[in-house]
Amino acid sequence: MALSISAPPTSSSLLPASLQVGRWSSSAARSARTVAFSLRRPVLVARVASGGNAPSSSVDEVVTELDAVASFSEIVPDTVVFDDFEKFAPTAATVSSSLLLGIAGLPDTKFKSAIDTALADGECNTMEKPEDRMSCFLTKALANVGAEMAHLVPGRVSTEIDARLAYDTQGIIQRVHELLKLYNDHDVLSERLLFKIPATWQGIEASRLLESEGIQTHLTFVYSFAQAAAAAQAGASVVQIFVGRVRDWARTHSGDPEIDEALKKGEDAGLALVKKVYAYIHKNGYKTKLMAAAIRNKQDVFSLLGIDYIIAPLKILQSLEESVTDTDVKYGYVPRLTPALGKTYNFTEEELVRWDQLSLAAAMGPAAEELLASGLDGYVNQARRVEELFGKIWPPPNAYIGNVSVVRAKSVGQAGGSRQSSDDEVSM
């Protein structure tokens, strides 16, 4: 069955305009495959009168847990794509190497056509080195698919920057500019775009320079306070912290000063990092929005209420959706993170410095170093898998390369491609 996407319903205009706005339903989730979106649900209230003649003000507010938590933070379902978009009209999307691999396994769709068009691109096909040609195809494919998404959703489209450029500031900037030009060729405005960059020092510096141009950036693979603080100082639009990954590391390792300090206080290392960064951002009045990812359970969600964005797996969202509750504070539905935290949190003088490359390197402990390296390896592997796939299916079927028509039976959809779900693939 061909993938079809319906236009967002008019009711979506009632949702707040934010970094990513979307809607989620368990029925749609059952056919999930690979596009990312987020949701900001209006609280759906069932009012039950306590008596037949009771005044209208005497009611109990009965809601699902998902409705309750969504009134405090924007809830982001973790990286999903739908085989049947008619069941769900997404309002924002993320484009990544992982998404391209997912599209490769789908039947004929406009997204597959976007990849075929990239593989037939004349500029890419004139490149002599195969590695340059495949990299060009990857960039064009990301922009083509992203442009299709941008024309179908009212929200923003986030585009992953090649992790192989993670330690190359100018390379990151050049790639972002290339993508911007490609998006502009598709009539997609820059304010509709966000660029996802690894939080190395070079990535943070690229974010600073890009933000100074008015280009919005999203720094990922943040596992330490120093990374987050440097990113906020750089003016990054979004900083993403992986709560569960920090916790997982703390359970099996020792010797990281930042994590050891949290554990001595009896705190969860991942949640403590989010709290500290949230306080720092609000203490200094930075524009950066904070996103928590790698959520492991419902209690994580409750502990993070008040943060800008919470990325949660579908199984957790389904559990929240199926649990009926009420909004009484005794059930814990109060913000755990508020701007006032910036006034009360105690920072050391060392933590309030102006971060540079040397101070960042000195402050990053073994947890951040190991987790950053692991995350980058995963993204690099995804990009290489896409390029390997492109090498096998290039040229696309019935493509015109220059003035020559190339007929080929094997297409992107037939070539196939599997997608691995991961909690460091985030919807933005």
Protein backbone atom coordinates (compact mmCIF):
# COMPACT_ATOMS: atom_id res chain seq x y z
CA MET A 1 0.00 0.00 0.00
CA ALA A 2 1.39 3.40 -0.93
CA LEU A 3 2.22 5.71 1.93
CA SER A 4 -0.12 8.67 1.98
CA ILE A 5 -0.10 11.70 4.20
CA SER A 6 -3.17 13.74 4.88
CA ALA A 7 -3.06 17.42 5.67
CA PRO A 8 -3.20 18.25 9.39
CA PRO A 9 -6.75 18.78 10.60
CA THR A 10 -7.89 22.32 11.20
CA SER A 11 -8.01 21.63 14.93
CA SER A 12 -4.22 21.57 14.94
CA SER A 13 -4.29 25.34 14.71
CA LEU A 14 -5.57 25.37 18.26
CA LEU A 15 -2.31 23.88 19.48
CA PRO A 16 0.47 26.26 20.56
CA ALA A 17 3.12 27.15 18.03
CA SER A 18 6.30 25.67 19.45
CA LEU A 19 9.46 23.95 18.40
CA GLN A 20 7.53 20.84 17.50
CA VAL A 21 3.86 20.28 17.78
CA GLY A 22 2.12 17.04 16.97
CA ARG A 23 -0.62 14.70 18.02
CA TRP A 24 -0.41 11.10 19.16
CA SER A 25 -2.81 8.21 19.34
CA SER A 26 -2.28 4.62 20.37
CA SER A 27 -4.05 3.28 17.27
CA ALA A 28 -1.63 5.12 15.01
CA ALA A 29 1.30 4.07 17.15
CA ARG A 30 0.65 0.42 16.41
CA SER A 31 1.71 0.99 12.78
CA ALA A 32 4.73 3.10 13.66
CA ARG A 33 7.91 2.80 11.62
CA THR A 34 10.22 5.91 11.38
CA VAL A 35 9.03 9.71 11.40
CA ALA A 36 9.40 11.81 14.53
CA PHE A 37 6.90 14.23 15.93
CA SER A 38 5.83 15.71 19.22
CA LEU A 39 2.61 16.52 20.93
CA ARG A 40 1.12 19.23 23.07
CA ARG A 41 -2.25 17.94 24.13
CA PRO A 42 -5.01 20.17 25.44
CA VAL A 43 -6.18 18.65 28.71
CA LEU A 44 -9.28 16.62 27.88
CA VAL A 45 -11.53 16.83 30.94
CA ALA A 46 -14.54 14.69 31.78
CA ARG A 47 -16.62 16.54 34.36
CA VAL A 48 -18.65 14.31 36.64
CA ALA A 49 -21.25 16.01 38.84
CA SER A 50 -21.27 14.83 42.43
CA GLY A 51 -25.05 14.99 42.50
CA GLY A 52 -27.95 15.56 40.18
CA ASN A 53 -28.46 19.14 41.39
CA ALA A 54 -24.86 19.90 42.27
CA PRO A 55 -23.54 23.30 41.20
CA SER A 56 -21.39 23.31 38.09
CA SER A 57 -18.33 24.35 40.10
CA SER A 58 -18.47 21.13 42.15
CA VAL A 59 -16.80 18.66 39.80
CA ASP A 60 -13.94 16.24 39.66
CA GLU A 61 -11.57 16.58 36.72
CA VAL A 62 -10.87 13.16 35.29
CA VAL A 63 -8.08 12.93 32.73
CA THR A 64 -5.49 10.47 31.51
CA GLU A 65 -1.99 10.66 32.92
CA LEU A 66 -0.79 11.68 29.47
CA ASP A 67 -3.16 14.65 29.44
CA ALA A 68 -1.99 15.63 32.91
CA VAL A 69 1.74 15.58 32.18
CA ALA A 70 1.28 17.26 28.78
CA SER A 71 -0.09 20.32 30.55
CA PHE A 72 3.37 20.91 32.07
CA SER A 73 5.83 19.85 29.36
CA GLU A 74 5.71 19.17 25.64
CA ILE A 75 5.68 15.41 25.22
CA VAL A 76 7.65 14.05 22.29
CA PRO A 77 7.04 10.45 21.14
CA ASP A 78 10.38 8.82 20.41
CA THR A 79 11.15 8.55 16.71
CA VAL A 80 8.20 7.11 14.93
CA VAL A 81 7.14 6.78 11.34
CA PHE A 82 3.75 5.65 10.18
CA ASP A 83 2.91 3.26 7.38
CA ASP A 84 -0.53 4.84 7.21
CA PHE A 85 -0.31 8.57 7.83
CA GLU A 86 -4.04 8.93 7.27
CA LYS A 87 -4.48 7.68 10.83
CA PHE A 88 -2.19 10.43 12.11
CA ALA A 89 -1.45 13.83 10.64
CA PRO A 90 1.99 14.82 11.95
CA THR A 91 2.73 18.51 12.42
CA ALA A 92 6.54 18.36 12.54
CA ALA A 93 9.26 15.93 11.52
CA THR A 94 12.88 14.91 11.83
CA VAL A 95 15.00 13.87 8.85
CA SER A 96 17.99 11.62 9.47
CA SER A 97 20.05 8.80 8.02
CA SER A 98 17.92 6.45 10.07
CA LEU A 99 14.78 7.82 8.42
CA LEU A 100 16.27 7.29 4.96
CA LEU A 101 16.96 3.65 5.82
CA GLY A 102 13.36 3.30 6.96
CA ILE A 103 12.03 4.82 3.75
CA ALA A 104 14.13 2.37 1.76
CA GLY A 105 11.98 -0.46 3.06
CA LEU A 106 8.65 1.18 2.23
CA PRO A 107 6.65 0.70 -0.98
CA ASP A 108 6.42 3.45 -3.58
CA THR A 109 5.97 6.80 -1.85
CA LYS A 110 6.79 10.42 -2.57
CA PHE A 111 9.64 9.98 -0.08
CA LYS A 112 11.14 7.19 -2.18
CA SER A 113 10.80 9.45 -5.19
CA ALA A 114 12.67 12.13 -3.26
CA ILE A 115 15.55 9.70 -2.79
CA ASP A 116 15.46 8.63 -6.45
CA THR A 117 15.64 12.29 -7.45
CA ALA A 118 18.70 12.77 -5.25
CA LEU A 119 20.40 9.76 -6.85
CA ALA A 120 19.78 11.24 -10.30
CA ASP A 121 21.21 14.64 -9.34
CA GLY A 122 23.54 15.92 -12.03
CA GLU A 123 25.92 17.72 -9.67
CA CYS A 124 26.48 14.62 -7.55
CA ASN A 125 26.92 12.40 -10.58
CA THR A 126 29.78 14.52 -11.94
CA MET A 127 31.91 13.83 -8.85
CA GLU A 128 34.76 11.47 -9.62
CA LYS A 129 35.38 10.04 -6.15
CA PRO A 130 32.69 7.54 -5.11
CA GLU A 131 32.81 8.71 -1.49
CA ASP A 132 32.17 12.32 -2.53
CA ARG A 133 29.34 11.23 -4.81
CA MET A 134 27.65 9.18 -2.07
CA SER A 135 28.03 11.99 0.47
CA CYS A 136 26.43 14.35 -2.03
CA PHE A 137 23.57 11.91 -2.57
CA LEU A 138 23.04 11.69 1.19
CA THR A 139 22.86 15.46 1.59
CA LYS A 140 20.47 15.83 -1.35
CA ALA A 141 18.29 12.99 -0.11
CA LEU A 142 18.00 14.52 3.37
CA ALA A 143 16.98 17.87 1.87
CA ASN A 144 14.56 16.32 -0.64
CA VAL A 145 12.80 14.24 2.01
CA GLY A 146 12.89 17.15 4.45
CA ALA A 147 11.31 19.43 1.87
CA GLU A 148 8.50 16.92 1.29
CA MET A 149 7.94 16.87 5.04
CA ALA A 150 8.00 20.66 5.26
CA HIS A 151 5.30 20.95 2.62
CA LEU A 152 3.13 18.46 4.50
CA VAL A 153 3.48 19.64 8.09
CA PRO A 154 2.97 23.12 9.55
CA GLY A 155 5.72 22.77 12.15
CA ARG A 156 9.47 22.63 11.88
CA VAL A 157 11.65 20.06 10.19
CA SER A 158 14.87 19.10 11.95
CA THR A 159 17.74 17.79 9.84
CA GLU A 160 20.59 15.69 11.18
CA ILE A 161 24.11 16.88 10.36
CA ASP A 162 26.55 14.14 9.40
CA ALA A 163 28.27 12.93 12.58
CA ARG A 164 31.50 12.47 10.62
CA LEU A 165 31.75 16.26 10.76
CA ALA A 166 31.43 16.33 14.55
CA TYR A 167 34.96 17.67 15.07
CA ASP A 168 34.99 20.04 12.08
CA THR A 169 33.40 23.41 12.84
CA GLN A 170 33.69 24.76 9.32
CA GLY A 171 32.56 21.44 7.87
CA ILE A 172 29.39 21.58 9.98
CA ILE A 173 28.70 25.17 8.98
CA GLN A 174 29.31 24.41 5.31
CA ARG A 175 26.97 21.40 5.45
CA VAL A 176 24.24 23.47 7.13
CA HIS A 177 24.59 26.17 4.49
CA GLU A 178 24.40 23.52 1.74
CA LEU A 179 21.23 22.13 3.27
CA LEU A 180 19.76 25.60 3.67
CA LYS A 181 20.35 26.32 -0.01
CA LEU A 182 18.74 23.03 -0.99
CA TYR A 183 15.76 23.75 1.24
CA ASN A 184 15.52 27.24 -0.22
CA ASP A 185 15.41 25.69 -3.71
CA HIS A 186 12.35 23.81 -2.45
CA ASP A 187 10.83 27.05 -1.08
CA VAL A 188 11.30 26.01 2.55
CA LEU A 189 12.07 29.04 4.73
CA SER A 190 14.91 28.94 7.26
CA GLU A 191 12.56 29.60 10.18
CA ARG A 192 10.95 26.24 9.41
CA LEU A 193 14.26 24.46 9.94
CA LEU A 194 16.38 23.20 12.80
CA PHE A 195 19.77 21.53 12.49
CA LYS A 196 20.82 18.73 14.82
CA ILE A 197 24.53 18.93 15.71
CA PRO A 198 26.68 16.76 18.03
CA ALA A 199 27.76 18.62 21.18
CA THR A 200 31.52 18.40 20.66
CA TRP A 201 33.38 21.66 21.21
CA GLN A 202 33.54 22.07 17.44
CA GLY A 203 29.80 21.43 17.20
CA ILE A 204 29.09 23.95 19.94
CA GLU A 205 31.24 26.54 18.20
CA ALA A 206 29.42 25.84 14.93
CA SER A 207 26.14 26.34 16.78
CA ARG A 208 27.33 29.72 18.07
CA LEU A 209 28.26 30.92 14.60
CA LEU A 210 25.10 29.57 12.99
CA GLU A 211 22.83 31.05 15.65
CA SER A 212 24.51 34.42 15.06
CA GLU A 213 23.24 34.11 11.47
CA GLY A 214 19.74 33.36 12.69
CA ILE A 215 20.01 29.64 11.92
CA GLN A 216 18.47 27.46 14.62
CA THR A 217 20.49 24.61 16.08
CA HIS A 218 19.76 21.60 18.26
CA LEU A 219 22.73 20.18 20.15
CA THR A 220 22.57 16.47 20.85
CA PHE A 221 24.73 13.91 22.71
CA VAL A 222 24.89 16.11 25.82
CA TYR A 223 26.02 14.05 28.81
CA SER A 224 27.65 16.61 31.09
CA PHE A 225 26.93 19.98 32.68
CA ALA A 226 29.92 21.51 30.90
CA GLN A 227 28.57 20.57 27.47
CA ALA A 228 25.13 21.94 28.27
CA ALA A 229 26.46 25.17 29.78
CA ALA A 230 28.75 25.79 26.80
CA ALA A 231 25.84 25.10 24.43
CA ALA A 232 23.59 27.55 26.28
CA GLN A 233 26.31 30.19 26.20
CA ALA A 234 26.62 29.59 22.46
CA GLY A 235 22.92 30.36 22.05
CA ALA A 236 21.79 26.91 20.91
CA SER A 237 18.03 26.78 20.40
CA VAL A 238 17.72 23.31 21.93
CA VAL A 239 19.95 21.20 24.18
CA GLN A 240 19.15 17.51 24.53
CA ILE A 241 20.17 15.45 27.59
CA PHE A 242 19.94 11.65 27.67
CA VAL A 243 18.66 10.93 31.17
CA GLY A 244 18.56 7.15 30.92
CA ARG A 245 21.96 6.81 29.31
CA VAL A 246 23.62 8.80 32.10
CA ARG A 247 21.80 6.63 34.66
CA ASP A 248 22.78 3.42 32.86
CA TRP A 249 26.44 4.47 32.88
CA ALA A 250 26.28 5.32 36.59
CA ARG A 251 24.93 1.85 37.40
CA THR A 252 27.84 0.04 35.82
CA HIS A 253 30.74 2.47 36.21
CA SER A 254 32.38 4.75 38.76
CA GLY A 255 34.96 7.50 38.78
CA ASP A 256 33.02 10.32 37.14
CA PRO A 257 33.12 13.30 39.55
CA GLU A 258 29.84 14.80 38.35
CA ILE A 259 27.97 11.52 38.65
CA ASP A 260 29.63 10.58 41.94
CA GLU A 261 28.53 13.92 43.43
CA ALA A 262 24.91 13.27 42.48
CA LEU A 263 25.00 9.75 43.89
CA LYS A 264 26.44 10.96 47.19
CA LYS A 265 23.41 13.23 47.51
CA GLY A 266 21.13 10.27 46.89
CA GLU A 267 20.06 11.66 43.51
CA ASP A 268 19.54 9.95 40.19
CA ALA A 269 22.51 10.98 38.04
CA GLY A 270 20.49 11.60 34.88
CA LEU A 271 17.70 13.56 36.57
CA ALA A 272 20.24 15.54 38.60
CA LEU A 273 22.01 16.62 35.41
CA VAL A 274 18.75 17.85 33.88
CA LYS A 275 17.86 19.76 37.04
CA LYS A 276 21.27 21.42 37.18
CA VAL A 277 21.22 22.45 33.52
CA TYR A 278 17.64 23.73 33.78
CA ALA A 279 18.62 25.87 36.76
CA TYR A 280 21.70 27.18 34.93
CA ILE A 281 19.73 28.19 31.85
CA HIS A 282 17.16 30.09 33.91
CA LYS A 283 19.74 31.62 36.24
CA ASN A 284 21.44 33.24 33.27
CA GLY A 285 18.38 33.96 31.15
CA TYR A 286 19.55 31.99 28.14
CA LYS A 287 17.09 31.38 25.30
CA THR A 288 17.96 27.68 25.09
CA LYS A 289 15.15 25.16 25.48
CA LEU A 290 15.92 21.94 27.35
CA MET A 291 14.94 18.49 26.15
CA ALA A 292 15.12 15.26 28.16
CA ALA A 293 15.58 12.03 26.21
CA ALA A 294 16.22 8.34 26.94
CA ILE A 295 13.26 8.20 29.32
CA ARG A 296 13.02 4.77 30.93
CA ASN A 297 9.74 4.80 32.88
CA LYS A 298 6.72 6.87 33.89
CA GLN A 299 8.41 8.09 37.05
CA ASP A 300 11.05 9.77 34.90
CA VAL A 301 8.27 11.70 33.18
CA PHE A 302 6.72 12.77 36.49
CA SER A 303 10.15 13.84 37.82
CA LEU A 304 10.77 16.06 34.79
CA LEU A 305 7.48 17.95 34.69
CA GLY A 306 8.13 21.57 33.81
CA ILE A 307 11.00 20.93 31.42
CA ASP A 308 10.46 22.21 27.88
CA TYR A 309 10.42 18.83 26.11
CA ILE A 310 10.26 15.20 27.24
CA ILE A 311 11.03 12.50 24.68
CA ALA A 312 9.38 9.24 25.74
CA PRO A 313 9.05 5.80 24.14
CA LEU A 314 5.66 4.85 22.78
CA LYS A 315 5.21 2.12 25.40
CA ILE A 316 5.44 4.74 28.15
CA LEU A 317 3.06 7.07 26.34
CA GLN A 318 0.61 4.23 25.84
CA SER A 319 0.77 3.45 29.56
CA LEU A 320 0.14 7.11 30.39
CA GLU A 321 -2.72 7.24 27.90
CA GLU A 322 -4.36 4.16 29.38
CA SER A 323 -4.12 5.38 32.99
CA VAL A 324 -7.01 7.55 34.17
CA THR A 325 -6.30 9.96 37.00
CA ASP A 326 -7.30 13.42 38.16
CA THR A 327 -5.45 16.69 38.43
CA ASP A 328 -5.34 16.91 42.23
CA VAL A 329 -1.82 17.82 43.39
CA LYS A 330 -1.80 14.84 45.74
CA TYR A 331 -1.18 12.70 42.67
CA GLY A 332 2.04 14.55 42.00
CA TYR A 333 1.01 16.57 38.97
CA VAL A 334 3.01 19.65 39.84
CA PRO A 335 6.01 21.07 37.98
CA ARG A 336 9.26 19.71 39.37
CA LEU A 337 11.30 22.16 37.31
CA THR A 338 10.39 25.85 37.41
CA PRO A 339 12.31 29.02 36.48
CA ALA A 340 12.57 29.82 40.20
CA LEU A 341 15.10 27.00 40.44
CA GLY A 342 17.62 29.30 38.81
CA LYS A 343 17.51 31.57 41.85
CA THR A 344 17.97 28.86 44.46
CA TYR A 345 20.41 26.40 42.88
CA ASN A 346 23.97 26.73 44.19
CA PHE A 347 26.66 26.75 41.54
CA THR A 348 30.40 26.81 42.14
CA GLU A 349 32.55 29.58 40.70
CA GLU A 350 34.11 27.03 38.35
CA GLU A 351 30.69 26.20 36.92
CA LEU A 352 29.89 29.83 36.16
CA VAL A 353 32.95 30.42 33.97
CA ARG A 354 32.86 31.36 30.32
CA TRP A 355 33.42 27.96 28.76
CA ASP A 356 36.09 27.44 26.11
CA GLN A 357 37.60 24.38 24.48
CA LEU A 358 40.18 23.76 27.20
CA SER A 359 37.82 24.20 30.13
CA LEU A 360 35.22 22.00 28.45
CA ALA A 361 37.75 19.23 27.83
CA ALA A 362 38.94 19.42 31.44
CA ALA A 363 35.40 19.31 32.85
CA MET A 364 34.07 16.42 30.78
CA GLY A 365 34.32 13.25 32.83
CA PRO A 366 34.63 9.67 31.60
CA ALA A 367 30.85 9.24 31.33
CA ALA A 368 30.43 12.14 28.91
CA GLU A 369 33.49 11.13 26.91
CA GLU A 370 32.41 7.51 26.53
CA LEU A 371 28.75 8.23 25.84
CA LEU A 372 29.56 10.97 23.32
CA ALA A 373 31.93 8.64 21.45
CA SER A 374 29.34 5.86 21.46
CA GLY A 375 26.59 8.15 20.17
CA LEU A 376 28.78 9.47 17.38
CA ASP A 377 29.77 5.94 16.35
CA GLY A 378 26.10 5.03 16.05
CA TYR A 379 25.27 8.01 13.86
CA VAL A 380 28.34 7.49 11.68
CA ASN A 381 27.32 3.86 11.19
CA GLN A 382 23.84 4.92 10.08
CA ALA A 383 25.25 7.39 7.54
CA ARG A 384 27.60 4.75 6.14
CA ARG A 385 24.77 2.25 5.83
CA VAL A 386 22.79 4.79 3.81
CA GLU A 387 25.73 5.45 1.51
CA GLU A 388 26.34 1.72 1.09
CA LEU A 389 22.68 1.29 0.16
CA PHE A 390 22.88 4.18 -2.31
CA GLY A 391 25.96 2.58 -3.86
CA LYS A 392 24.02 -0.64 -4.45
CA ILE A 393 20.93 0.96 -5.96
CA TRP A 394 22.56 3.81 -7.90
CA PRO A 395 21.51 4.84 -10.48
CA PRO A 396 17.80 4.85 -9.64
CA PRO A 397 15.30 3.17 -11.99
CA ASN A 398 14.40 5.07 -15.18
CA ALA A 399 16.68 7.95 -14.18
CA TYR A 400 18.03 10.62 -16.51
CA ILE A 401 21.67 11.34 -15.72
CA GLY A 402 22.84 14.06 -18.02
CA ASN A 403 21.19 13.26 -21.35
CA VAL A 404 21.30 9.50 -20.82
CA SER A 405 18.28 7.52 -19.67
CA VAL A 406 19.14 4.68 -17.32
CA VAL A 407 16.61 1.89 -16.85
CA ARG A 408 17.07 -0.23 -13.79
CA ALA A 409 14.66 -2.66 -12.20
CA LYS A 410 15.89 -2.45 -8.64
CA SER A 411 14.57 0.56 -6.74
CA VAL A 412 15.04 2.02 -3.30
CA GLY A 413 11.91 0.34 -2.05
CA GLN A 414 12.98 -3.03 -3.42
CA ALA A 415 16.48 -2.71 -2.05
CA GLY A 416 15.07 -2.61 1.42
CA GLY A 417 16.60 -1.31 4.55
CA SER A 418 16.04 -1.94 8.21
CA ARG A 419 15.77 0.67 10.88
CA GLN A 420 16.95 0.21 14.44
CA SER A 421 15.04 2.05 17.12
CA SER A 422 17.29 3.90 19.52
CA ASP A 423 16.73 6.32 22.33
CA ASP A 424 19.42 8.62 20.97
CA GLU A 425 17.38 9.17 17.85
CA VAL A 426 15.17 12.02 18.76
CA SER A 427 12.26 13.69 17.24
CA MET A 428 13.07 17.31 16.60
